Amino acid sequence: MLNLRSFFFFVILFVYNLPLGQTACLNLENINREVKIPQRICLESPEKLHQKYTLITFFTTTCSTCKENLPMLSNLYQMWQNEVSIKQVSLNPKKEMIEDYIDEYQDLLPYPVYFDPSRSAKKQFNIRLVPTLILLQNGVGLVFRHKGKMNVEVIKKLELFFRS
């Protein structure tokens, strides 16, 4: 009887620790060497303990709208770095393309830029269009999604989360 009880305990422990849905950590490579962070990351988790939200932008280096969003994202990072962790995930198939992009736009990238060779983040967050911006709140999950160019209205919607 004791062996059966131990067996069920380990089965429950194993199932409880399985990565399901958006809780799985991904093996993504931070290409932005100016930002020092661990390689194995949970995209939905903030980088600092006091941050309540994570803002993830999905992009490609050939997307003109993605490039247009960079100054606005950089400003958001400066304004909200205590409230939100900002991360960028490239959907490019080659790391070299991202490295060239970072070299060109380094001044506008104060946050991590990740390379996702297996496209696991794209699948995990069901990304079909770039740029796509998603906002995740700890314990709640996805609270906001925007596709396309950022504008003042998008920022106002995001501010509602940070100011509440």
Protein backbone atom coordinates (compact mmCIF):
# COMPACT_ATOMS: atom_id res chain seq x y z
CA MET A 1 0.00 0.00 0.00
CA LEU A 2 2.84 2.34 0.80
CA ASN A 3 4.41 1.79 -2.63
CA LEU A 4 1.13 2.58 -4.40
CA ARG A 5 0.74 5.78 -2.37
CA SER A 6 4.31 6.83 -3.24
CA PHE A 7 3.68 6.05 -6.90
CA PHE A 8 0.59 8.30 -7.02
CA PHE A 9 2.43 11.05 -5.18
CA PHE A 10 5.17 11.09 -7.82
CA VAL A 11 2.66 10.94 -10.66
CA ILE A 12 0.79 13.95 -9.26
CA LEU A 13 4.06 15.79 -8.71
CA PHE A 14 5.16 15.04 -12.27
CA VAL A 15 1.87 16.15 -13.85
CA TYR A 16 1.77 19.30 -11.73
CA ASN A 17 5.20 20.35 -13.00
CA LEU A 18 4.50 19.73 -16.69
CA PRO A 19 4.73 22.91 -18.78
CA LEU A 20 1.23 23.51 -20.10
CA GLY A 21 -0.07 26.41 -22.16
CA GLN A 22 1.74 29.69 -21.70
CA THR A 23 3.63 28.67 -18.59
CA ALA A 24 6.36 26.84 -20.50
CA CYS A 25 9.80 28.39 -20.57
CA LEU A 26 11.43 28.64 -23.96
CA ASN A 27 15.04 28.33 -24.99
CA LEU A 28 15.45 31.64 -26.77
CA GLU A 29 18.70 33.44 -27.37
CA ASN A 30 19.04 37.09 -26.36
CA ILE A 31 20.77 38.68 -29.35
CA ASN A 32 20.93 42.16 -27.80
CA ARG A 33 24.25 41.77 -25.99
CA GLU A 34 23.84 45.14 -24.29
CA VAL A 35 21.06 43.65 -22.15
CA LYS A 36 22.36 40.92 -19.85
CA ILE A 37 19.75 38.32 -18.98
CA PRO A 38 19.59 34.53 -18.60
CA GLN A 39 19.21 32.54 -21.82
CA ARG A 40 16.44 30.22 -20.62
CA ILE A 41 13.52 32.52 -20.04
CA CYS A 42 9.82 32.51 -19.51
CA LEU A 43 8.61 35.19 -21.87
CA GLU A 44 5.58 35.90 -19.74
CA SER A 45 7.64 36.51 -16.59
CA PRO A 46 8.95 39.98 -15.75
CA GLU A 47 12.70 40.42 -15.42
CA LYS A 48 12.48 42.23 -12.08
CA LEU A 49 10.42 41.29 -9.02
CA HIS A 50 8.55 44.59 -8.75
CA GLN A 51 7.29 44.48 -12.35
CA LYS A 52 3.69 43.36 -12.66
CA TYR A 53 3.40 43.18 -16.48
CA THR A 54 5.32 41.84 -19.46
CA LEU A 55 4.98 43.49 -22.86
CA ILE A 56 6.16 41.31 -25.74
CA THR A 57 6.46 42.52 -29.31
CA PHE A 58 6.84 40.07 -32.16
CA PHE A 59 8.60 41.38 -35.25
CA THR A 60 10.64 40.63 -38.34
CA THR A 61 13.62 42.66 -39.49
CA THR A 62 12.02 43.35 -42.88
CA CYS A 63 8.78 44.72 -41.43
CA SER A 64 8.61 48.49 -41.94
CA THR A 65 5.80 48.93 -39.39
CA CYS A 66 7.89 47.04 -36.82
CA LYS A 67 10.69 49.56 -37.36
CA GLU A 68 8.24 52.47 -37.09
CA ASN A 69 7.15 51.16 -33.68
CA LEU A 70 10.71 51.16 -32.27
CA PRO A 71 10.86 54.81 -31.09
CA MET A 72 7.50 54.42 -29.34
CA LEU A 73 8.58 51.16 -27.67
CA SER A 74 11.82 52.75 -26.54
CA ASN A 75 9.86 55.64 -24.99
CA LEU A 76 7.51 53.21 -23.26
CA TYR A 77 10.50 51.39 -21.82
CA GLN A 78 11.88 54.65 -20.41
CA MET A 79 8.50 55.63 -18.91
CA TRP A 80 7.37 52.24 -17.59
CA GLN A 81 10.50 50.24 -16.82
CA ASN A 82 9.46 49.91 -13.17
CA GLU A 83 5.98 48.61 -14.04
CA VAL A 84 6.59 46.49 -17.12
CA SER A 85 9.21 44.22 -18.63
CA ILE A 86 9.52 44.81 -22.39
CA LYS A 87 10.82 42.06 -24.67
CA GLN A 88 11.08 41.69 -28.43
CA VAL A 89 10.93 38.34 -30.20
CA SER A 90 12.13 38.04 -33.77
CA LEU A 91 10.35 35.69 -36.15
CA ASN A 92 13.27 35.80 -38.60
CA PRO A 93 14.69 32.44 -39.64
CA LYS A 94 18.34 33.56 -39.48
CA LYS A 95 20.19 34.98 -36.50
CA GLU A 96 22.45 37.10 -38.71
CA MET A 97 19.46 39.15 -39.85
CA ILE A 98 18.64 40.02 -36.25
CA GLU A 99 22.24 40.89 -35.41
CA ASP A 100 22.34 43.38 -38.30
CA TYR A 101 18.99 44.83 -37.17
CA ILE A 102 20.29 45.30 -33.62
CA ASP A 103 23.46 46.95 -34.87
CA GLU A 104 21.39 49.40 -36.90
CA TYR A 105 18.79 50.20 -34.22
CA GLN A 106 20.83 49.71 -31.02
CA ASP A 107 19.90 53.14 -29.65
CA LEU A 108 16.21 52.19 -29.76
CA LEU A 109 16.60 48.76 -28.15
CA PRO A 110 17.21 49.10 -24.38
CA TYR A 111 15.44 45.76 -23.75
CA PRO A 112 16.17 42.14 -24.75
CA VAL A 113 15.70 41.00 -28.34
CA TYR A 114 15.25 37.26 -28.70
CA PHE A 115 15.94 34.86 -31.54
CA ASP A 116 13.43 32.02 -31.74
CA PRO A 117 14.87 29.46 -34.18
CA SER A 118 12.18 26.85 -33.52
CA ARG A 119 9.34 29.39 -33.74
CA SER A 120 8.06 28.09 -30.42
CA ALA A 121 7.07 31.56 -29.15
CA LYS A 122 5.09 32.20 -32.33
CA LYS A 123 3.16 28.98 -31.75
CA GLN A 124 2.82 29.51 -28.01
CA PHE A 125 1.23 32.95 -28.40
CA ASN A 126 -0.57 32.23 -31.72
CA ILE A 127 1.17 35.02 -33.67
CA ARG A 128 -0.04 35.33 -37.27
CA LEU A 129 0.86 38.92 -38.12
CA VAL A 130 3.76 41.24 -37.31
CA PRO A 131 4.03 43.45 -35.51
CA THR A 132 1.96 41.94 -32.74
CA LEU A 133 2.14 43.32 -29.24
CA ILE A 134 0.83 41.35 -26.27
CA LEU A 135 0.57 42.36 -22.64
CA LEU A 136 0.69 39.69 -19.96
CA GLN A 137 -0.11 40.17 -16.30
CA ASN A 138 1.30 37.84 -13.68
CA GLY A 139 -1.28 35.40 -12.47
CA VAL A 140 -3.86 36.45 -15.05
CA GLY A 141 -2.20 35.80 -18.39
CA LEU A 142 -2.95 37.68 -21.59
CA VAL A 143 -4.77 40.96 -20.89
CA PHE A 144 -4.16 42.91 -24.13
CA ARG A 145 -3.24 42.21 -27.77
CA HIS A 146 -2.61 44.67 -30.61
CA LYS A 147 -1.66 43.98 -34.22
CA GLY A 148 -0.08 46.59 -36.44
CA LYS A 149 1.21 50.08 -35.91
CA MET A 150 1.27 51.53 -32.43
CA ASN A 151 -0.40 54.87 -31.86
CA VAL A 152 -1.56 57.14 -29.06
CA GLU A 153 -4.77 55.17 -28.57
CA VAL A 154 -2.83 51.94 -28.02
CA ILE A 155 -0.63 53.65 -25.44
CA LYS A 156 -3.68 55.01 -23.62
CA LYS A 157 -5.15 51.50 -23.45
CA LEU A 158 -1.87 50.16 -22.07
CA GLU A 159 -1.67 52.98 -19.51
CA LEU A 160 -5.02 51.91 -18.09
CA PHE A 161 -3.37 48.68 -16.93
CA PHE A 162 -0.31 50.36 -15.44
CA ARG A 163 -2.18 53.11 -13.64
CA SER A 164 -4.83 50.89 -12.04
